Amino acid sequence: LSDEVHPNQAHIALAELEEKFQGK
């Protein structure tokens, strides 16, 4: 929960895939 830990580009990319992917 500290300021030193954040999602990185890999996490963000998978979230983007979930948003744009037409399947499951």
mmCIF file of all heavy atoms, coordinates in Angstrom:
data_MODEL
# 
_entry.id   MODEL 
# 
loop_
_atom_site.group_PDB 
_atom_site.id 
_atom_site.type_symbol 
_atom_site.label_atom_id 
_atom_site.label_alt_id 
_atom_site.label_comp_id 
_atom_site.label_asym_id 
_atom_site.label_entity_id 
_atom_site.label_seq_id 
_atom_site.pdbx_PDB_ins_code 
_atom_site.Cartn_x 
_atom_site.Cartn_y 
_atom_site.Cartn_z 
_atom_site.occupancy 
_atom_site.B_iso_or_equiv 
_atom_site.pdbx_formal_charge 
_atom_site.auth_seq_id 
_atom_site.auth_comp_id 
_atom_site.auth_asym_id 
_atom_site.auth_atom_id 
_atom_site.pdbx_PDB_model_num 
ATOM 1   N N   . LEU A 1 1  ? 0.808   -1.223  0.000   1.00 0.00 ? 1  LEU A N   1 
ATOM 2   C CA  . LEU A 1 1  ? 0.000   0.000   0.000   1.00 0.00 ? 1  LEU A CA  1 
ATOM 3   C C   . LEU A 1 1  ? 0.841   1.274   0.000   1.00 0.00 ? 1  LEU A C   1 
ATOM 4   O O   . LEU A 1 1  ? 0.303   2.377   -0.041  1.00 0.00 ? 1  LEU A O   1 
ATOM 5   C CB  . LEU A 1 1  ? -0.930  0.010   1.223   1.00 0.00 ? 1  LEU A CB  1 
ATOM 6   C CG  . LEU A 1 1  ? -2.011  -1.086  1.232   1.00 0.00 ? 1  LEU A CG  1 
ATOM 7   C CD1 . LEU A 1 1  ? -2.722  -1.109  2.589   1.00 0.00 ? 1  LEU A CD1 1 
ATOM 8   C CD2 . LEU A 1 1  ? -3.005  -0.870  0.101   1.00 0.00 ? 1  LEU A CD2 1 
ATOM 9   N N   . SER A 1 2  ? 2.169   1.123   0.028   1.00 0.00 ? 2  SER A N   1 
ATOM 10  C CA  . SER A 1 2  ? 3.055   2.289   0.073   1.00 0.00 ? 2  SER A CA  1 
ATOM 11  C C   . SER A 1 2  ? 3.202   2.923   -1.307  1.00 0.00 ? 2  SER A C   1 
ATOM 12  O O   . SER A 1 2  ? 2.799   2.349   -2.320  1.00 0.00 ? 2  SER A O   1 
ATOM 13  C CB  . SER A 1 2  ? 4.431   1.881   0.596   1.00 0.00 ? 2  SER A CB  1 
ATOM 14  O OG  . SER A 1 2  ? 5.121   1.110   -0.372  1.00 0.00 ? 2  SER A OG  1 
ATOM 15  N N   . ASP A 1 3  ? 3.817   4.087   -1.336  1.00 0.00 ? 3  ASP A N   1 
ATOM 16  C CA  . ASP A 1 3  ? 4.038   4.809   -2.593  1.00 0.00 ? 3  ASP A CA  1 
ATOM 17  C C   . ASP A 1 3  ? 5.111   4.158   -3.463  1.00 0.00 ? 3  ASP A C   1 
ATOM 18  O O   . ASP A 1 3  ? 5.274   4.536   -4.627  1.00 0.00 ? 3  ASP A O   1 
ATOM 19  C CB  . ASP A 1 3  ? 4.442   6.261   -2.306  1.00 0.00 ? 3  ASP A CB  1 
ATOM 20  C CG  . ASP A 1 3  ? 3.301   7.067   -1.706  1.00 0.00 ? 3  ASP A CG  1 
ATOM 21  O OD1 . ASP A 1 3  ? 2.135   6.663   -1.925  1.00 0.00 ? 3  ASP A OD1 1 
ATOM 22  O OD2 . ASP A 1 3  ? 3.559   8.064   -1.022  1.00 0.00 ? 3  ASP A OD2 1 
ATOM 23  N N   . GLU A 1 4  ? 5.846   3.192   -2.915  1.00 0.00 ? 4  GLU A N   1 
ATOM 24  C CA  . GLU A 1 4  ? 6.964   2.608   -3.671  1.00 0.00 ? 4  GLU A CA  1 
ATOM 25  C C   . GLU A 1 4  ? 6.540   1.443   -4.565  1.00 0.00 ? 4  GLU A C   1 
ATOM 26  O O   . GLU A 1 4  ? 7.338   0.949   -5.365  1.00 0.00 ? 4  GLU A O   1 
ATOM 27  C CB  . GLU A 1 4  ? 8.060   2.138   -2.699  1.00 0.00 ? 4  GLU A CB  1 
ATOM 28  C CG  . GLU A 1 4  ? 7.628   1.044   -1.749  1.00 0.00 ? 4  GLU A CG  1 
ATOM 29  C CD  . GLU A 1 4  ? 8.649   0.776   -0.647  1.00 0.00 ? 4  GLU A CD  1 
ATOM 30  O OE1 . GLU A 1 4  ? 9.043   1.724   0.044   1.00 0.00 ? 4  GLU A OE1 1 
ATOM 31  O OE2 . GLU A 1 4  ? 9.041   -0.390  -0.504  1.00 0.00 ? 4  GLU A OE2 1 
ATOM 32  N N   . VAL A 1 5  ? 5.291   0.995   -4.460  1.00 0.00 ? 5  VAL A N   1 
ATOM 33  C CA  . VAL A 1 5  ? 4.816   -0.139  -5.255  1.00 0.00 ? 5  VAL A CA  1 
ATOM 34  C C   . VAL A 1 5  ? 3.679   0.297   -6.166  1.00 0.00 ? 5  VAL A C   1 
ATOM 35  O O   . VAL A 1 5  ? 2.689   0.877   -5.712  1.00 0.00 ? 5  VAL A O   1 
ATOM 36  C CB  . VAL A 1 5  ? 4.343   -1.288  -4.342  1.00 0.00 ? 5  VAL A CB  1 
ATOM 37  C CG1 . VAL A 1 5  ? 3.723   -2.409  -5.174  1.00 0.00 ? 5  VAL A CG1 1 
ATOM 38  C CG2 . VAL A 1 5  ? 5.506   -1.831  -3.513  1.00 0.00 ? 5  VAL A CG2 1 
ATOM 39  N N   . HIS A 1 6  ? 3.837   0.037   -7.455  1.00 0.00 ? 6  HIS A N   1 
ATOM 40  C CA  . HIS A 1 6  ? 2.825   0.412   -8.450  1.00 0.00 ? 6  HIS A CA  1 
ATOM 41  C C   . HIS A 1 6  ? 2.731   -0.682  -9.512  1.00 0.00 ? 6  HIS A C   1 
ATOM 42  O O   . HIS A 1 6  ? 3.697   -1.407  -9.751  1.00 0.00 ? 6  HIS A O   1 
ATOM 43  C CB  . HIS A 1 6  ? 3.200   1.725   -9.153  1.00 0.00 ? 6  HIS A CB  1 
ATOM 44  C CG  . HIS A 1 6  ? 3.403   2.873   -8.229  1.00 0.00 ? 6  HIS A CG  1 
ATOM 45  N ND1 . HIS A 1 6  ? 2.365   3.606   -7.704  1.00 0.00 ? 6  HIS A ND1 1 
ATOM 46  C CD2 . HIS A 1 6  ? 4.543   3.423   -7.720  1.00 0.00 ? 6  HIS A CD2 1 
ATOM 47  C CE1 . HIS A 1 6  ? 2.845   4.562   -6.922  1.00 0.00 ? 6  HIS A CE1 1 
ATOM 48  N NE2 . HIS A 1 6  ? 4.162   4.468   -6.915  1.00 0.00 ? 6  HIS A NE2 1 
ATOM 49  N N   . PRO A 1 7  ? 1.593   -0.802  -10.187 1.00 0.00 ? 7  PRO A N   1 
ATOM 50  C CA  . PRO A 1 7  ? 1.524   -1.708  -11.342 1.00 0.00 ? 7  PRO A CA  1 
ATOM 51  C C   . PRO A 1 7  ? 2.553   -1.288  -12.384 1.00 0.00 ? 7  PRO A C   1 
ATOM 52  O O   . PRO A 1 7  ? 2.787   -0.088  -12.582 1.00 0.00 ? 7  PRO A O   1 
ATOM 53  C CB  . PRO A 1 7  ? 0.095   -1.498  -11.870 1.00 0.00 ? 7  PRO A CB  1 
ATOM 54  C CG  . PRO A 1 7  ? -0.668  -0.890  -10.758 1.00 0.00 ? 7  PRO A CG  1 
ATOM 55  C CD  . PRO A 1 7  ? 0.311   -0.092  -9.959  1.00 0.00 ? 7  PRO A CD  1 
ATOM 56  N N   . ASN A 1 8  ? 3.191   -2.252  -13.030 1.00 0.00 ? 8  ASN A N   1 
ATOM 57  C CA  . ASN A 1 8  ? 4.154   -1.914  -14.077 1.00 0.00 ? 8  ASN A CA  1 
ATOM 58  C C   . ASN A 1 8  ? 3.505   -2.083  -15.453 1.00 0.00 ? 8  ASN A C   1 
ATOM 59  O O   . ASN A 1 8  ? 2.314   -2.391  -15.561 1.00 0.00 ? 8  ASN A O   1 
ATOM 60  C CB  . ASN A 1 8  ? 5.435   -2.747  -13.927 1.00 0.00 ? 8  ASN A CB  1 
ATOM 61  C CG  . ASN A 1 8  ? 5.183   -4.238  -14.050 1.00 0.00 ? 8  ASN A CG  1 
ATOM 62  O OD1 . ASN A 1 8  ? 4.548   -4.699  -15.010 1.00 0.00 ? 8  ASN A OD1 1 
ATOM 63  N ND2 . ASN A 1 8  ? 5.674   -5.023  -13.092 1.00 0.00 ? 8  ASN A ND2 1 
ATOM 64  N N   . GLN A 1 9  ? 4.292   -1.891  -16.491 1.00 0.00 ? 9  GLN A N   1 
ATOM 65  C CA  . GLN A 1 9  ? 3.747   -1.919  -17.857 1.00 0.00 ? 9  GLN A CA  1 
ATOM 66  C C   . GLN A 1 9  ? 3.153   -3.270  -18.233 1.00 0.00 ? 9  GLN A C   1 
ATOM 67  O O   . GLN A 1 9  ? 2.241   -3.351  -19.067 1.00 0.00 ? 9  GLN A O   1 
ATOM 68  C CB  . GLN A 1 9  ? 4.835   -1.526  -18.858 1.00 0.00 ? 9  GLN A CB  1 
ATOM 69  C CG  . GLN A 1 9  ? 5.160   -0.047  -18.867 1.00 0.00 ? 9  GLN A CG  1 
ATOM 70  C CD  . GLN A 1 9  ? 3.927   0.803   -19.161 1.00 0.00 ? 9  GLN A CD  1 
ATOM 71  O OE1 . GLN A 1 9  ? 3.179   0.552   -20.110 1.00 0.00 ? 9  GLN A OE1 1 
ATOM 72  N NE2 . GLN A 1 9  ? 3.696   1.820   -18.337 1.00 0.00 ? 9  GLN A NE2 1 
ATOM 73  N N   . ALA A 1 10 ? 3.647   -4.344  -17.626 1.00 0.00 ? 10 ALA A N   1 
ATOM 74  C CA  . ALA A 1 10 ? 3.084   -5.665  -17.913 1.00 0.00 ? 10 ALA A CA  1 
ATOM 75  C C   . ALA A 1 10 ? 1.662   -5.767  -17.373 1.00 0.00 ? 10 ALA A C   1 
ATOM 76  O O   . ALA A 1 10 ? 0.751   -6.249  -18.056 1.00 0.00 ? 10 ALA A O   1 
ATOM 77  C CB  . ALA A 1 10 ? 3.968   -6.755  -17.310 1.00 0.00 ? 10 ALA A CB  1 
ATOM 78  N N   . HIS A 1 11 ? 1.440   -5.312  -16.133 1.00 0.00 ? 11 HIS A N   1 
ATOM 79  C CA  . HIS A 1 11 ? 0.087   -5.297  -15.565 1.00 0.00 ? 11 HIS A CA  1 
ATOM 80  C C   . HIS A 1 11 ? -0.841  -4.415  -16.404 1.00 0.00 ? 11 HIS A C   1 
ATOM 81  O O   . HIS A 1 11 ? -1.984  -4.786  -16.700 1.00 0.00 ? 11 HIS A O   1 
ATOM 82  C CB  . HIS A 1 11 ? 0.099   -4.751  -14.129 1.00 0.00 ? 11 HIS A CB  1 
ATOM 83  C CG  . HIS A 1 11 ? 0.875   -5.567  -13.156 1.00 0.00 ? 11 HIS A CG  1 
ATOM 84  N ND1 . HIS A 1 11 ? 2.114   -5.188  -12.694 1.00 0.00 ? 11 HIS A ND1 1 
ATOM 85  C CD2 . HIS A 1 11 ? 0.598   -6.743  -12.538 1.00 0.00 ? 11 HIS A CD2 1 
ATOM 86  C CE1 . HIS A 1 11 ? 2.560   -6.083  -11.834 1.00 0.00 ? 11 HIS A CE1 1 
ATOM 87  N NE2 . HIS A 1 11 ? 1.657   -7.043  -11.715 1.00 0.00 ? 11 HIS A NE2 1 
ATOM 88  N N   . ILE A 1 12 ? -0.330  -3.262  -16.780 1.00 0.00 ? 12 ILE A N   1 
ATOM 89  C CA  . ILE A 1 12 ? -1.133  -2.296  -17.549 1.00 0.00 ? 12 ILE A CA  1 
ATOM 90  C C   . ILE A 1 12 ? -1.483  -2.866  -18.921 1.00 0.00 ? 12 ILE A C   1 
ATOM 91  O O   . ILE A 1 12 ? -2.608  -2.703  -19.407 1.00 0.00 ? 12 ILE A O   1 
ATOM 92  C CB  . ILE A 1 12 ? -0.364  -0.963  -17.669 1.00 0.00 ? 12 ILE A CB  1 
ATOM 93  C CG1 . ILE A 1 12 ? -0.252  -0.304  -16.280 1.00 0.00 ? 12 ILE A CG1 1 
ATOM 94  C CG2 . ILE A 1 12 ? -1.055  -0.010  -18.659 1.00 0.00 ? 12 ILE A CG2 1 
ATOM 95  C CD1 . ILE A 1 12 ? 0.733   0.850   -16.211 1.00 0.00 ? 12 ILE A CD1 1 
ATOM 96  N N   . ALA A 1 13 ? -0.530  -3.561  -19.536 1.00 0.00 ? 13 ALA A N   1 
ATOM 97  C CA  . ALA A 1 13 ? -0.775  -4.159  -20.858 1.00 0.00 ? 13 ALA A CA  1 
ATOM 98  C C   . ALA A 1 13 ? -1.880  -5.212  -20.778 1.00 0.00 ? 13 ALA A C   1 
ATOM 99  O O   . ALA A 1 13 ? -2.755  -5.281  -21.655 1.00 0.00 ? 13 ALA A O   1 
ATOM 100 C CB  . ALA A 1 13 ? 0.506   -4.771  -21.408 1.00 0.00 ? 13 ALA A CB  1 
ATOM 101 N N   . LEU A 1 14 ? -1.878  -6.038  -19.741 1.00 0.00 ? 14 LEU A N   1 
ATOM 102 C CA  . LEU A 1 14 ? -2.907  -7.072  -19.605 1.00 0.00 ? 14 LEU A CA  1 
ATOM 103 C C   . LEU A 1 14 ? -4.282  -6.453  -19.363 1.00 0.00 ? 14 LEU A C   1 
ATOM 104 O O   . LEU A 1 14 ? -5.297  -6.962  -19.859 1.00 0.00 ? 14 LEU A O   1 
ATOM 105 C CB  . LEU A 1 14 ? -2.555  -8.036  -18.469 1.00 0.00 ? 14 LEU A CB  1 
ATOM 106 C CG  . LEU A 1 14 ? -1.329  -8.932  -18.700 1.00 0.00 ? 14 LEU A CG  1 
ATOM 107 C CD1 . LEU A 1 14 ? -1.126  -9.872  -17.515 1.00 0.00 ? 14 LEU A CD1 1 
ATOM 108 C CD2 . LEU A 1 14 ? -1.465  -9.733  -19.986 1.00 0.00 ? 14 LEU A CD2 1 
ATOM 109 N N   . ALA A 1 15 ? -4.313  -5.349  -18.623 1.00 0.00 ? 15 ALA A N   1 
ATOM 110 C CA  . ALA A 1 15 ? -5.583  -4.645  -18.414 1.00 0.00 ? 15 ALA A CA  1 
ATOM 111 C C   . ALA A 1 15 ? -6.095  -4.065  -19.729 1.00 0.00 ? 15 ALA A C   1 
ATOM 112 O O   . ALA A 1 15 ? -7.302  -4.101  -20.015 1.00 0.00 ? 15 ALA A O   1 
ATOM 113 C CB  . ALA A 1 15 ? -5.402  -3.543  -17.376 1.00 0.00 ? 15 ALA A CB  1 
ATOM 114 N N   . GLU A 1 16 ? -5.173  -3.551  -20.547 1.00 0.00 ? 16 GLU A N   1 
ATOM 115 C CA  . GLU A 1 16 ? -5.553  -3.011  -21.853 1.00 0.00 ? 16 GLU A CA  1 
ATOM 116 C C   . GLU A 1 16 ? -6.083  -4.130  -22.757 1.00 0.00 ? 16 GLU A C   1 
ATOM 117 O O   . GLU A 1 16 ? -7.060  -3.944  -23.494 1.00 0.00 ? 16 GLU A O   1 
ATOM 118 C CB  . GLU A 1 16 ? -4.350  -2.336  -22.511 1.00 0.00 ? 16 GLU A CB  1 
ATOM 119 C CG  . GLU A 1 16 ? -4.666  -1.731  -23.878 1.00 0.00 ? 16 GLU A CG  1 
ATOM 120 C CD  . GLU A 1 16 ? -3.439  -1.156  -24.572 1.00 0.00 ? 16 GLU A CD  1 
ATOM 121 O OE1 . GLU A 1 16 ? -2.312  -1.338  -24.053 1.00 0.00 ? 16 GLU A OE1 1 
ATOM 122 O OE2 . GLU A 1 16 ? -3.601  -0.546  -25.643 1.00 0.00 ? 16 GLU A OE2 1 
ATOM 123 N N   . LEU A 1 17 ? -5.439  -5.302  -22.690 1.00 0.00 ? 17 LEU A N   1 
ATOM 124 C CA  . LEU A 1 17 ? -5.891  -6.438  -23.487 1.00 0.00 ? 17 LEU A CA  1 
ATOM 125 C C   . LEU A 1 17 ? -7.309  -6.843  -23.091 1.00 0.00 ? 17 LEU A C   1 
ATOM 126 O O   . LEU A 1 17 ? -8.161  -7.097  -23.955 1.00 0.00 ? 17 LEU A O   1 
ATOM 127 C CB  . LEU A 1 17 ? -4.934  -7.617  -23.298 1.00 0.00 ? 17 LEU A CB  1 
ATOM 128 C CG  . LEU A 1 17 ? -5.294  -8.903  -24.051 1.00 0.00 ? 17 LEU A CG  1 
ATOM 129 C CD1 . LEU A 1 17 ? -5.286  -8.681  -25.556 1.00 0.00 ? 17 LEU A CD1 1 
ATOM 130 C CD2 . LEU A 1 17 ? -4.325  -10.028 -23.663 1.00 0.00 ? 17 LEU A CD2 1 
ATOM 131 N N   . GLU A 1 18 ? -7.576  -6.883  -21.799 1.00 0.00 ? 18 GLU A N   1 
ATOM 132 C CA  . GLU A 1 18 ? -8.916  -7.245  -21.328 1.00 0.00 ? 18 GLU A CA  1 
ATOM 133 C C   . GLU A 1 18 ? -9.962  -6.253  -21.832 1.00 0.00 ? 18 GLU A C   1 
ATOM 134 O O   . GLU A 1 18 ? -11.084 -6.630  -22.178 1.00 0.00 ? 18 GLU A O   1 
ATOM 135 C CB  . GLU A 1 18 ? -8.934  -7.296  -19.797 1.00 0.00 ? 18 GLU A CB  1 
ATOM 136 C CG  . GLU A 1 18 ? -10.264 -7.779  -19.223 1.00 0.00 ? 18 GLU A CG  1 
ATOM 137 C CD  . GLU A 1 18 ? -10.241 -7.903  -17.720 1.00 0.00 ? 18 GLU A CD  1 
ATOM 138 O OE1 . GLU A 1 18 ? -9.196  -8.318  -17.160 1.00 0.00 ? 18 GLU A OE1 1 
ATOM 139 O OE2 . GLU A 1 18 ? -11.269 -7.599  -17.086 1.00 0.00 ? 18 GLU A OE2 1 
ATOM 140 N N   . GLU A 1 19 ? -9.572  -4.985  -21.899 1.00 0.00 ? 19 GLU A N   1 
ATOM 141 C CA  . GLU A 1 19 ? -10.496 -3.943  -22.351 1.00 0.00 ? 19 GLU A CA  1 
ATOM 142 C C   . GLU A 1 19 ? -10.771 -4.038  -23.853 1.00 0.00 ? 19 GLU A C   1 
ATOM 143 O O   . GLU A 1 19 ? -11.912 -3.842  -24.299 1.00 0.00 ? 19 GLU A O   1 
ATOM 144 C CB  . GLU A 1 19 ? -9.918  -2.568  -22.011 1.00 0.00 ? 19 GLU A CB  1 
ATOM 145 C CG  . GLU A 1 19 ? -10.793 -1.411  -22.436 1.00 0.00 ? 19 GLU A CG  1 
ATOM 146 C CD  . GLU A 1 19 ? -10.146 -0.063  -22.164 1.00 0.00 ? 19 GLU A CD  1 
ATOM 147 O OE1 . GLU A 1 19 ? -9.079  -0.020  -21.519 1.00 0.00 ? 19 GLU A OE1 1 
ATOM 148 O OE2 . GLU A 1 19 ? -10.706 0.951   -22.607 1.00 0.00 ? 19 GLU A OE2 1 
ATOM 149 N N   . LYS A 1 20 ? -9.747  -4.365  -24.639 1.00 0.00 ? 20 LYS A N   1 
ATOM 150 C CA  . LYS A 1 20 ? -9.881  -4.312  -26.102 1.00 0.00 ? 20 LYS A CA  1 
ATOM 151 C C   . LYS A 1 20 ? -10.194 -5.657  -26.745 1.00 0.00 ? 20 LYS A C   1 
ATOM 152 O O   . LYS A 1 20 ? -10.679 -5.701  -27.869 1.00 0.00 ? 20 LYS A O   1 
ATOM 153 C CB  . LYS A 1 20 ? -8.594  -3.743  -26.710 1.00 0.00 ? 20 LYS A CB  1 
ATOM 154 C CG  . LYS A 1 20 ? -8.343  -2.289  -26.323 1.00 0.00 ? 20 LYS A CG  1 
ATOM 155 C CD  . LYS A 1 20 ? -7.074  -1.748  -26.957 1.00 0.00 ? 20 LYS A CD  1 
ATOM 156 C CE  . LYS A 1 20 ? -6.878  -0.275  -26.614 1.00 0.00 ? 20 LYS A CE  1 
ATOM 157 N NZ  . LYS A 1 20 ? -5.626  0.262   -27.210 1.00 0.00 ? 20 LYS A NZ  1 
ATOM 158 N N   . PHE A 1 21 ? -9.923  -6.738  -26.053 1.00 0.00 ? 21 PHE A N   1 
ATOM 159 C CA  . PHE A 1 21 ? -10.123 -8.068  -26.619 1.00 0.00 ? 21 PHE A CA  1 
ATOM 160 C C   . PHE A 1 21 ? -11.612 -8.382  -26.730 1.00 0.00 ? 21 PHE A C   1 
ATOM 161 O O   . PHE A 1 21 ? -12.381 -8.139  -25.791 1.00 0.00 ? 21 PHE A O   1 
ATOM 162 C CB  . PHE A 1 21 ? -9.417  -9.106  -25.731 1.00 0.00 ? 21 PHE A CB  1 
ATOM 163 C CG  . PHE A 1 21 ? -9.418  -10.502 -26.268 1.00 0.00 ? 21 PHE A CG  1 
ATOM 164 C CD1 . PHE A 1 21 ? -8.787  -10.810 -27.463 1.00 0.00 ? 21 PHE A CD1 1 
ATOM 165 C CD2 . PHE A 1 21 ? -10.051 -11.524 -25.565 1.00 0.00 ? 21 PHE A CD2 1 
ATOM 166 C CE1 . PHE A 1 21 ? -8.780  -12.109 -27.949 1.00 0.00 ? 21 PHE A CE1 1 
ATOM 167 C CE2 . PHE A 1 21 ? -10.049 -12.820 -26.044 1.00 0.00 ? 21 PHE A CE2 1 
ATOM 168 C CZ  . PHE A 1 21 ? -9.409  -13.112 -27.243 1.00 0.00 ? 21 PHE A CZ  1 
ATOM 169 N N   . GLN A 1 22 ? -12.024 -8.929  -27.856 1.00 0.00 ? 22 GLN A N   1 
ATOM 170 C CA  . GLN A 1 22 ? -13.443 -9.204  -28.094 1.00 0.00 ? 22 GLN A CA  1 
ATOM 171 C C   . GLN A 1 22 ? -13.908 -10.510 -27.445 1.00 0.00 ? 22 GLN A C   1 
ATOM 172 O O   . GLN A 1 22 ? -15.103 -10.705 -27.245 1.00 0.00 ? 22 GLN A O   1 
ATOM 173 C CB  . GLN A 1 22 ? -13.711 -9.264  -29.602 1.00 0.00 ? 22 GLN A CB  1 
ATOM 174 C CG  . GLN A 1 22 ? -13.434 -7.963  -30.330 1.00 0.00 ? 22 GLN A CG  1 
ATOM 175 C CD  . GLN A 1 22 ? -14.295 -6.811  -29.812 1.00 0.00 ? 22 GLN A CD  1 
ATOM 176 O OE1 . GLN A 1 22 ? -15.510 -6.926  -29.731 1.00 0.00 ? 22 GLN A OE1 1 
ATOM 177 N NE2 . GLN A 1 22 ? -13.655 -5.700  -29.460 1.00 0.00 ? 22 GLN A NE2 1 
ATOM 178 N N   . GLY A 1 23 ? -12.980 -11.395 -27.130 1.00 0.00 ? 23 GLY A N   1 
ATOM 179 C CA  . GLY A 1 23 ? -13.340 -12.669 -26.523 1.00 0.00 ? 23 GLY A CA  1 
ATOM 180 C C   . GLY A 1 23 ? -13.265 -12.614 -25.002 1.00 0.00 ? 23 GLY A C   1 
ATOM 181 O O   . GLY A 1 23 ? -13.417 -11.562 -24.384 1.00 0.00 ? 23 GLY A O   1 
ATOM 182 N N   . LYS A 1 24 ? -13.009 -13.766 -24.401 1.00 0.00 ? 24 LYS A N   1 
ATOM 183 C CA  . LYS A 1 24 ? -12.956 -13.886 -22.943 1.00 0.00 ? 24 LYS A CA  1 
ATOM 184 C C   . LYS A 1 24 ? -11.516 -13.984 -22.469 1.00 0.00 ? 24 LYS A C   1 
ATOM 185 O O   . LYS A 1 24 ? -10.709 -14.710 -23.049 1.00 0.00 ? 24 LYS A O   1 
ATOM 186 C CB  . LYS A 1 24 ? -13.733 -15.129 -22.492 1.00 0.00 ? 24 LYS A CB  1 
ATOM 187 C CG  . LYS A 1 24 ? -13.763 -15.317 -20.980 1.00 0.00 ? 24 LYS A CG  1 
ATOM 188 C CD  . LYS A 1 24 ? -14.560 -16.557 -20.592 1.00 0.00 ? 24 LYS A CD  1 
ATOM 189 C CE  . LYS A 1 24 ? -14.601 -16.723 -19.087 1.00 0.00 ? 24 LYS A CE  1 
ATOM 190 N NZ  . LYS A 1 24 ? -15.339 -17.941 -18.663 1.00 0.00 ? 24 LYS A NZ  1 
# 
